[in-house]
Amino acid sequence: MTGSGSRSALLELAVLGSLHETPLHGYELRKRLNTLLGMFRAFSYGSLYPCLRGLLGDGLIAEEEPQEDTVLGRRSKIVYKLTAEGKERLHELLTQAGPSAWEDESFGIHFAFFRHAEAEVRLRILEGRRSRLEERLERVRTALARTRERLDRYTLELQRHGLESVEREVRWLNELIDSERRSSTALPAAAAESTGSATSAGPAETDEASEAGETPPWAAAPGRAVQERDQRADSPEADE
């Protein structure tokens, strides 16, 4: 999706993601979107309210009716909140990890809501973004090597600055990807270790013994078991 359709989808993701955090009235939502979207592109307030009307019409968000202020005699601002359908739509948008999520304009928006995305999706977007930037680096280096002698020193410095910026982002992405991979590897290992410990510990017997405040029979030391057996054998009752 390109052009206005792509921008609308990004704004939809930004609005739904922001309302997923907490219900917001229009002014608060505008401030949050300006902080979020303003980092990546110019955000037009004129596009917000058509987007809100569309989301309301689709049942993805709802208006919370304001209560009248009994002191001032006026109504509070309308608060927008996410509906169950809106949460499903947000999840659908957050699972989209194709090339459109790697572009300059859309990557930052997806990244802002990474905490709501699955690890596999995060990793795919990060790797896709890195691949896209590596392709860009190759093109810029080739063009720079071909035109270096024809460029004045200011244009050349501008080209170098752009090249270094992309190289820094690639290094940053490498760190994020390594971190994501370590996390995805550590979680199954921790779960397997926890399951193994629970199995070897005899969970059912442990629970019963814990409730009684006793050590379960399978946990008693072998030496103690032998001593108890010998004591029973030496008692007078055993002789009878």
C-alpha atoms as a PDB file:
ATOM      1  CA  MET A   1       0.000   0.000   0.000  1.00  0.00           C
ATOM      2  CA  THR A   2       1.418   3.425  -1.014  1.00  0.00           C
ATOM      3  CA  GLY A   3       0.471   7.072  -0.951  1.00  0.00           C
ATOM      4  CA  SER A   4      -2.549   8.243   1.022  1.00  0.00           C
ATOM      5  CA  GLY A   5      -3.646   4.653   1.687  1.00  0.00           C
ATOM      6  CA  SER A   6      -0.358   3.880   3.378  1.00  0.00           C
ATOM      7  CA  ARG A   7      -0.506   7.069   5.432  1.00  0.00           C
ATOM      8  CA  SER A   8      -4.069   6.273   6.525  1.00  0.00           C
ATOM      9  CA  ALA A   9      -3.028   2.797   7.630  1.00  0.00           C
ATOM     10  CA  LEU A  10      -0.147   4.250   9.644  1.00  0.00           C
ATOM     11  CA  LEU A  11      -2.426   6.783  11.307  1.00  0.00           C
ATOM     12  CA  GLU A  12      -4.925   4.022  12.066  1.00  0.00           C
ATOM     13  CA  LEU A  13      -2.172   1.955  13.695  1.00  0.00           C
ATOM     14  CA  ALA A  14      -0.960   4.965  15.672  1.00  0.00           C
ATOM     15  CA  VAL A  15      -4.464   5.827  16.929  1.00  0.00           C
ATOM     16  CA  LEU A  16      -5.410   2.250  17.854  1.00  0.00           C
ATOM     17  CA  GLY A  17      -2.033   1.660  19.495  1.00  0.00           C
ATOM     18  CA  SER A  18      -2.303   4.857  21.539  1.00  0.00           C
ATOM     19  CA  LEU A  19      -5.845   4.078  22.699  1.00  0.00           C
ATOM     20  CA  HIS A  20      -4.738   0.549  23.624  1.00  0.00           C
ATOM     21  CA  GLU A  21      -2.623   2.136  26.350  1.00  0.00           C
ATOM     22  CA  THR A  22      -5.456   4.187  27.837  1.00  0.00           C
ATOM     23  CA  PRO A  23      -8.651   5.977  26.753  1.00  0.00           C
ATOM     24  CA  LEU A  24      -7.883   9.535  25.616  1.00  0.00           C
ATOM     25  CA  HIS A  25      -9.835  12.632  24.746  1.00  0.00           C
ATOM     26  CA  GLY A  26      -9.086  14.386  21.470  1.00  0.00           C
ATOM     27  CA  TYR A  27      -6.521  16.867  22.781  1.00  0.00           C
ATOM     28  CA  GLU A  28      -4.530  14.192  24.623  1.00  0.00           C
ATOM     29  CA  LEU A  29      -4.633  11.950  21.565  1.00  0.00           C
ATOM     30  CA  ARG A  30      -3.390  14.771  19.323  1.00  0.00           C
ATOM     31  CA  LYS A  31      -0.469  15.451  21.667  1.00  0.00           C
ATOM     32  CA  ARG A  32       0.494  11.780  21.788  1.00  0.00           C
ATOM     33  CA  LEU A  33       0.260  11.376  18.021  1.00  0.00           C
ATOM     34  CA  ASN A  34       2.259  14.539  17.454  1.00  0.00           C
ATOM     35  CA  THR A  35       5.028  13.148  19.655  1.00  0.00           C
ATOM     36  CA  LEU A  36       4.869   9.753  17.981  1.00  0.00           C
ATOM     37  CA  LEU A  37       4.306  10.644  14.337  1.00  0.00           C
ATOM     38  CA  GLY A  38       6.155  13.940  14.401  1.00  0.00           C
ATOM     39  CA  MET A  39       9.430  12.085  14.787  1.00  0.00           C
ATOM     40  CA  PHE A  40       8.960  10.349  11.447  1.00  0.00           C
ATOM     41  CA  ARG A  41       6.916  12.736   9.306  1.00  0.00           C
ATOM     42  CA  ALA A  42       4.836  15.881   9.432  1.00  0.00           C
ATOM     43  CA  PHE A  43       1.589  15.072  11.194  1.00  0.00           C
ATOM     44  CA  SER A  44      -1.514  16.889  10.006  1.00  0.00           C
ATOM     45  CA  TYR A  45      -4.197  17.417  12.651  1.00  0.00           C
ATOM     46  CA  GLY A  46      -6.649  17.747   9.790  1.00  0.00           C
ATOM     47  CA  SER A  47      -6.243  14.026   9.075  1.00  0.00           C
ATOM     48  CA  LEU A  48      -6.970  12.932  12.662  1.00  0.00           C
ATOM     49  CA  TYR A  49     -10.696  13.588  12.898  1.00  0.00           C
ATOM     50  CA  PRO A  50     -11.589  11.936   9.567  1.00  0.00           C
ATOM     51  CA  CYS A  51      -9.608   8.933  10.827  1.00  0.00           C
ATOM     52  CA  LEU A  52     -11.526   8.963  14.134  1.00  0.00           C
ATOM     53  CA  ARG A  53     -14.861   9.167  12.314  1.00  0.00           C
ATOM     54  CA  GLY A  54     -13.870   6.195  10.179  1.00  0.00           C
ATOM     55  CA  LEU A  55     -12.808   4.144  13.201  1.00  0.00           C
ATOM     56  CA  LEU A  56     -16.054   5.034  14.991  1.00  0.00           C
ATOM     57  CA  GLY A  57     -18.068   4.009  11.936  1.00  0.00           C
ATOM     58  CA  ASP A  58     -16.232   0.674  11.774  1.00  0.00           C
ATOM     59  CA  GLY A  59     -16.836   0.028  15.474  1.00  0.00           C
ATOM     60  CA  LEU A  60     -13.108  -0.071  16.242  1.00  0.00           C
ATOM     61  CA  ILE A  61     -13.317   2.730  18.795  1.00  0.00           C
ATOM     62  CA  ALA A  62     -16.141   4.140  20.870  1.00  0.00           C
ATOM     63  CA  GLU A  63     -16.947   7.509  22.393  1.00  0.00           C
ATOM     64  CA  GLU A  64     -17.357   7.640  26.129  1.00  0.00           C
ATOM     65  CA  GLU A  65     -20.204  10.007  26.834  1.00  0.00           C
ATOM     66  CA  PRO A  66     -18.992  12.886  28.993  1.00  0.00           C
ATOM     67  CA  GLN A  67     -20.803  13.749  32.193  1.00  0.00           C
ATOM     68  CA  GLU A  68     -22.085  17.254  32.723  1.00  0.00           C
ATOM     69  CA  ASP A  69     -20.098  19.309  35.200  1.00  0.00           C
ATOM     70  CA  THR A  70     -22.632  20.135  37.920  1.00  0.00           C
ATOM     71  CA  VAL A  71     -20.604  23.143  39.078  1.00  0.00           C
ATOM     72  CA  LEU A  72     -19.799  24.809  35.763  1.00  0.00           C
ATOM     73  CA  GLY A  73     -22.827  23.453  33.938  1.00  0.00           C
ATOM     74  CA  ARG A  74     -20.881  22.209  30.926  1.00  0.00           C
ATOM     75  CA  ARG A  75     -19.966  18.853  29.521  1.00  0.00           C
ATOM     76  CA  SER A  76     -16.487  17.351  29.706  1.00  0.00           C
ATOM     77  CA  LYS A  77     -14.497  16.437  26.628  1.00  0.00           C
ATOM     78  CA  ILE A  78     -15.387  13.272  24.695  1.00  0.00           C
ATOM     79  CA  VAL A  79     -13.078  10.370  25.506  1.00  0.00           C
ATOM     80  CA  TYR A  80     -12.190   7.773  22.859  1.00  0.00           C
ATOM     81  CA  LYS A  81     -11.556   4.173  23.853  1.00  0.00           C
ATOM     82  CA  LEU A  82     -10.720   0.935  22.064  1.00  0.00           C
ATOM     83  CA  THR A  83     -13.446  -1.668  21.494  1.00  0.00           C
ATOM     84  CA  ALA A  84     -12.987  -5.443  21.324  1.00  0.00           C
ATOM     85  CA  GLU A  85     -13.094  -5.174  17.533  1.00  0.00           C
ATOM     86  CA  GLY A  86     -10.475  -2.430  17.723  1.00  0.00           C
ATOM     87  CA  LYS A  87      -8.155  -4.681  19.714  1.00  0.00           C
ATOM     88  CA  GLU A  88      -8.527  -7.387  17.065  1.00  0.00           C
ATOM     89  CA  ARG A  89      -7.772  -4.871  14.315  1.00  0.00           C
ATOM     90  CA  LEU A  90      -4.709  -3.624  16.206  1.00  0.00           C
ATOM     91  CA  HIS A  91      -3.459  -7.191  16.577  1.00  0.00           C
ATOM     92  CA  GLU A  92      -3.964  -7.692  12.833  1.00  0.00           C
ATOM     93  CA  LEU A  93      -1.959  -4.566  12.018  1.00  0.00           C
ATOM     94  CA  LEU A  94       0.812  -5.561  14.418  1.00  0.00           C
ATOM     95  CA  THR A  95       1.212  -8.962  12.745  1.00  0.00           C
ATOM     96  CA  GLN A  96       1.952  -7.377   9.362  1.00  0.00           C
ATOM     97  CA  ALA A  97       5.695  -7.822   8.942  1.00  0.00           C
ATOM     98  CA  GLY A  98       6.092  -7.460   5.186  1.00  0.00           C
ATOM     99  CA  PRO A  99       8.128  -4.890   3.227  1.00  0.00           C
ATOM    100  CA  SER A 100       5.699  -2.072   4.017  1.00  0.00           C
ATOM    101  CA  ALA A 101       6.720  -2.310   7.690  1.00  0.00           C
ATOM    102  CA  TRP A 102      10.418  -1.839   6.804  1.00  0.00           C
ATOM    103  CA  GLU A 103      10.130   1.547   5.116  1.00  0.00           C
ATOM    104  CA  ASP A 104      11.388   4.776   6.683  1.00  0.00           C
ATOM    105  CA  GLU A 105       7.922   6.139   7.409  1.00  0.00           C
ATOM    106  CA  SER A 106       6.276   2.985   8.746  1.00  0.00           C
ATOM    107  CA  PHE A 107       9.120   1.265  10.594  1.00  0.00           C
ATOM    108  CA  GLY A 108       9.158   3.793  13.437  1.00  0.00           C
ATOM    109  CA  ILE A 109       5.396   3.453  13.995  1.00  0.00           C
ATOM    110  CA  HIS A 110       5.582  -0.330  14.151  1.00  0.00           C
ATOM    111  CA  PHE A 111       8.619  -0.123  16.420  1.00  0.00           C
ATOM    112  CA  ALA A 112       6.764   2.210  18.811  1.00  0.00           C
ATOM    113  CA  PHE A 113       4.257  -0.577  19.514  1.00  0.00           C
ATOM    114  CA  PHE A 114       6.681  -3.514  19.464  1.00  0.00           C
ATOM    115  CA  ARG A 115       5.755  -4.419  23.043  1.00  0.00           C
ATOM    116  CA  HIS A 116       2.329  -5.494  21.775  1.00  0.00           C
ATOM    117  CA  ALA A 117       3.744  -7.589  18.901  1.00  0.00           C
ATOM    118  CA  GLU A 118       4.889 -11.198  19.019  1.00  0.00           C
ATOM    119  CA  ALA A 119       8.619 -11.946  19.146  1.00  0.00           C
ATOM    120  CA  GLU A 120       8.579 -13.617  15.726  1.00  0.00           C
ATOM    121  CA  VAL A 121       6.995 -10.539  14.141  1.00  0.00           C
ATOM    122  CA  ARG A 122       9.447  -8.173  15.836  1.00  0.00           C
ATOM    123  CA  LEU A 123      12.391 -10.188  14.598  1.00  0.00           C
ATOM    124  CA  ARG A 124      11.051 -10.375  11.039  1.00  0.00           C
ATOM    125  CA  ILE A 125      10.546  -6.597  10.883  1.00  0.00           C
ATOM    126  CA  LEU A 126      13.979  -5.882  12.341  1.00  0.00           C
ATOM    127  CA  GLU A 127      15.678  -8.235   9.894  1.00  0.00           C
ATOM    128  CA  GLY A 128      13.684  -6.805   6.997  1.00  0.00           C
ATOM    129  CA  ARG A 129      14.605  -3.263   7.976  1.00  0.00           C
ATOM    130  CA  ARG A 130      18.274  -4.233   8.201  1.00  0.00           C
ATOM    131  CA  SER A 131      18.141  -5.884   4.794  1.00  0.00           C
ATOM    132  CA  ARG A 132      16.549  -2.776   3.287  1.00  0.00           C
ATOM    133  CA  LEU A 133      19.229  -0.509   4.779  1.00  0.00           C
ATOM    134  CA  GLU A 134      22.065  -2.786   3.675  1.00  0.00           C
ATOM    135  CA  GLU A 135      20.732  -2.554   0.115  1.00  0.00           C
ATOM    136  CA  ARG A 136      20.669   1.225   0.470  1.00  0.00           C
ATOM    137  CA  LEU A 137      24.228   1.261   1.791  1.00  0.00           C
ATOM    138  CA  GLU A 138      25.449  -0.707  -1.202  1.00  0.00           C
ATOM    139  CA  ARG A 139      23.761   1.691  -3.623  1.00  0.00           C
ATOM    140  CA  VAL A 140      25.131   4.791  -1.878  1.00  0.00           C
ATOM    141  CA  ARG A 141      28.672   3.396  -1.702  1.00  0.00           C
ATOM    142  CA  THR A 142      28.593   2.477  -5.368  1.00  0.00           C
ATOM    143  CA  ALA A 143      27.261   5.895  -6.368  1.00  0.00           C
ATOM    144  CA  LEU A 144      29.760   7.659  -4.121  1.00  0.00           C
ATOM    145  CA  ALA A 145      32.712   5.750  -5.577  1.00  0.00           C
ATOM    146  CA  ARG A 146      31.528   6.549  -9.104  1.00  0.00           C
ATOM    147  CA  THR A 147      30.895  10.273  -8.605  1.00  0.00           C
ATOM    148  CA  ARG A 148      33.418  11.182  -5.877  1.00  0.00           C
ATOM    149  CA  GLU A 149      35.727  13.105  -8.201  1.00  0.00           C
ATOM    150  CA  ARG A 150      32.877  15.174  -9.668  1.00  0.00           C
ATOM    151  CA  LEU A 151      31.432  16.297  -6.311  1.00  0.00           C
ATOM    152  CA  ASP A 152      32.437  19.427  -4.453  1.00  0.00           C
ATOM    153  CA  ARG A 153      33.595  18.902  -0.898  1.00  0.00           C
ATOM    154  CA  TYR A 154      30.291  20.019   0.697  1.00  0.00           C
ATOM    155  CA  THR A 155      28.187  17.647  -1.345  1.00  0.00           C
ATOM    156  CA  LEU A 156      30.714  14.920  -0.616  1.00  0.00           C
ATOM    157  CA  GLU A 157      30.480  15.568   3.129  1.00  0.00           C
ATOM    158  CA  LEU A 158      26.686  15.436   2.907  1.00  0.00           C
ATOM    159  CA  GLN A 159      26.916  12.069   1.176  1.00  0.00           C
ATOM    160  CA  ARG A 160      29.291  10.797   3.846  1.00  0.00           C
ATOM    161  CA  HIS A 161      27.002  12.037   6.606  1.00  0.00           C
ATOM    162  CA  GLY A 162      24.081  10.136   5.100  1.00  0.00           C
ATOM    163  CA  LEU A 163      26.229   7.034   4.738  1.00  0.00           C
ATOM    164  CA  GLU A 164      27.344   7.171   8.374  1.00  0.00           C
ATOM    165  CA  SER A 165      23.752   7.630   9.553  1.00  0.00           C
ATOM    166  CA  VAL A 166      22.633   4.483   7.753  1.00  0.00           C
ATOM    167  CA  GLU A 167      25.660   2.568   9.063  1.00  0.00           C
ATOM    168  CA  ARG A 168      24.778   3.594  12.633  1.00  0.00           C
ATOM    169  CA  GLU A 169      21.204   2.368  12.209  1.00  0.00           C
ATOM    170  CA  VAL A 170      22.442  -0.959  10.833  1.00  0.00           C
ATOM    171  CA  ARG A 171      24.660  -1.402  13.907  1.00  0.00           C
ATOM    172  CA  TRP A 172      21.700  -0.521  16.140  1.00  0.00           C
ATOM    173  CA  LEU A 173      19.517  -3.062  14.330  1.00  0.00           C
ATOM    174  CA  ASN A 174      22.200  -5.731  14.720  1.00  0.00           C
ATOM    175  CA  GLU A 175      22.158  -5.184  18.488  1.00  0.00           C
ATOM    176  CA  LEU A 176      18.355  -5.375  18.632  1.00  0.00           C
ATOM    177  CA  ILE A 177      18.261  -8.522  16.514  1.00  0.00           C
ATOM    178  CA  ASP A 178      20.879 -10.218  18.698  1.00  0.00           C
ATOM    179  CA  SER A 179      18.898  -9.257  21.802  1.00  0.00           C
ATOM    180  CA  GLU A 180      15.635 -10.585  20.331  1.00  0.00           C
ATOM    181  CA  ARG A 181      17.290 -13.875  19.378  1.00  0.00           C
ATOM    182  CA  ARG A 182      18.804 -14.305  22.832  1.00  0.00           C
ATOM    183  CA  SER A 183      15.438 -13.628  24.446  1.00  0.00           C
ATOM    184  CA  SER A 184      13.593 -16.060  22.188  1.00  0.00           C
ATOM    185  CA  THR A 185      16.215 -18.738  22.954  1.00  0.00           C
ATOM    186  CA  ALA A 186      16.260 -18.101  26.693  1.00  0.00           C
ATOM    187  CA  LEU A 187      12.498 -18.344  27.196  1.00  0.00           C
ATOM    188  CA  PRO A 188      12.046 -21.940  25.907  1.00  0.00           C
ATOM    189  CA  ALA A 189      15.167 -23.018  27.802  1.00  0.00           C
ATOM    190  CA  ALA A 190      13.859 -21.512  31.029  1.00  0.00           C
ATOM    191  CA  ALA A 191      10.454 -23.121  30.489  1.00  0.00           C
ATOM    192  CA  ALA A 192      12.049 -26.536  29.839  1.00  0.00           C
ATOM    193  CA  GLU A 193      14.211 -26.221  32.936  1.00  0.00           C
ATOM    194  CA  SER A 194      11.203 -25.250  35.030  1.00  0.00           C
ATOM    195  CA  THR A 195       9.184 -28.180  33.678  1.00  0.00           C
ATOM    196  CA  GLY A 196      12.045 -30.607  34.292  1.00  0.00           C
ATOM    197  CA  SER A 197      12.483 -29.425  37.864  1.00  0.00           C
ATOM    198  CA  ALA A 198       8.791 -29.734  38.566  1.00  0.00           C
ATOM    199  CA  THR A 199       8.709 -33.267  37.145  1.00  0.00           C
ATOM    200  CA  SER A 200      11.711 -34.499  39.096  1.00  0.00           C
ATOM    201  CA  ALA A 201      10.424 -32.924  42.271  1.00  0.00           C
ATOM    202  CA  GLY A 202       7.210 -34.941  42.355  1.00  0.00           C
ATOM    203  CA  PRO A 203       4.750 -32.009  42.367  1.00  0.00           C
ATOM    204  CA  ALA A 204       1.699 -33.870  43.687  1.00  0.00           C
ATOM    205  CA  GLU A 205       3.517 -35.378  46.630  1.00  0.00           C
ATOM    206  CA  THR A 206       5.292 -32.107  47.342  1.00  0.00           C
ATOM    207  CA  ASP A 207       2.022 -30.221  47.587  1.00  0.00           C
ATOM    208  CA  GLU A 208       0.478 -32.779  49.949  1.00  0.00           C
ATOM    209  CA  ALA A 209       3.565 -32.872  52.137  1.00  0.00           C
ATOM    210  CA  SER A 210       3.809 -29.105  52.197  1.00  0.00           C
ATOM    211  CA  GLU A 211       0.238 -28.798  53.398  1.00  0.00           C
ATOM    212  CA  ALA A 212       0.951 -31.285  56.200  1.00  0.00           C
ATOM    213  CA  GLY A 213       4.252 -29.596  57.056  1.00  0.00           C
ATOM    214  CA  GLU A 214       6.130 -32.863  56.497  1.00  0.00           C
ATOM    215  CA  THR A 215       8.926 -34.069  54.254  1.00  0.00           C
ATOM    216  CA  PRO A 216       7.472 -36.352  51.554  1.00  0.00           C
ATOM    217  CA  PRO A 217       8.504 -40.041  51.804  1.00  0.00           C
ATOM    218  CA  TRP A 218      10.368 -39.971  48.456  1.00  0.00           C
ATOM    219  CA  ALA A 219      12.511 -37.080  49.720  1.00  0.00           C
ATOM    220  CA  ALA A 220      13.716 -38.823  52.922  1.00  0.00           C
ATOM    221  CA  ALA A 221      17.409 -39.675  53.011  1.00  0.00           C
ATOM    222  CA  PRO A 222      18.173 -43.413  52.453  1.00  0.00           C
ATOM    223  CA  GLY A 223      20.195 -43.549  55.678  1.00  0.00           C
ATOM    224  CA  ARG A 224      17.246 -42.317  57.687  1.00  0.00           C
ATOM    225  CA  ALA A 225      14.940 -44.897  56.126  1.00  0.00           C
ATOM    226  CA  VAL A 226      17.356 -47.684  57.097  1.00  0.00           C
ATOM    227  CA  GLN A 227      17.570 -46.355  60.661  1.00  0.00           C
ATOM    228  CA  GLU A 228      13.794 -46.286  61.031  1.00  0.00           C
ATOM    229  CA  ARG A 229      13.552 -49.845  59.723  1.00  0.00           C
ATOM    230  CA  ASP A 230      16.220 -51.050  62.185  1.00  0.00           C
ATOM    231  CA  GLN A 231      14.513 -49.319  65.100  1.00  0.00           C
ATOM    232  CA  ARG A 232      11.234 -51.023  64.281  1.00  0.00           C
ATOM    233  CA  ALA A 233      13.012 -54.371  64.116  1.00  0.00           C
ATOM    234  CA  ASP A 234      14.625 -53.878  67.593  1.00  0.00           C
ATOM    235  CA  SER A 235      11.430 -52.744  69.355  1.00  0.00           C
ATOM    236  CA  PRO A 236       9.583 -55.140  71.728  1.00  0.00           C
ATOM    237  CA  GLU A 237       6.525 -54.975  69.564  1.00  0.00           C
ATOM    238  CA  ALA A 238       8.544 -56.428  66.723  1.00  0.00           C
ATOM    239  CA  ASP A 239       9.587 -59.403  68.912  1.00  0.00           C
ATOM    240  CA  GLU A 240       5.939 -60.191  69.643  1.00  0.00           C
END
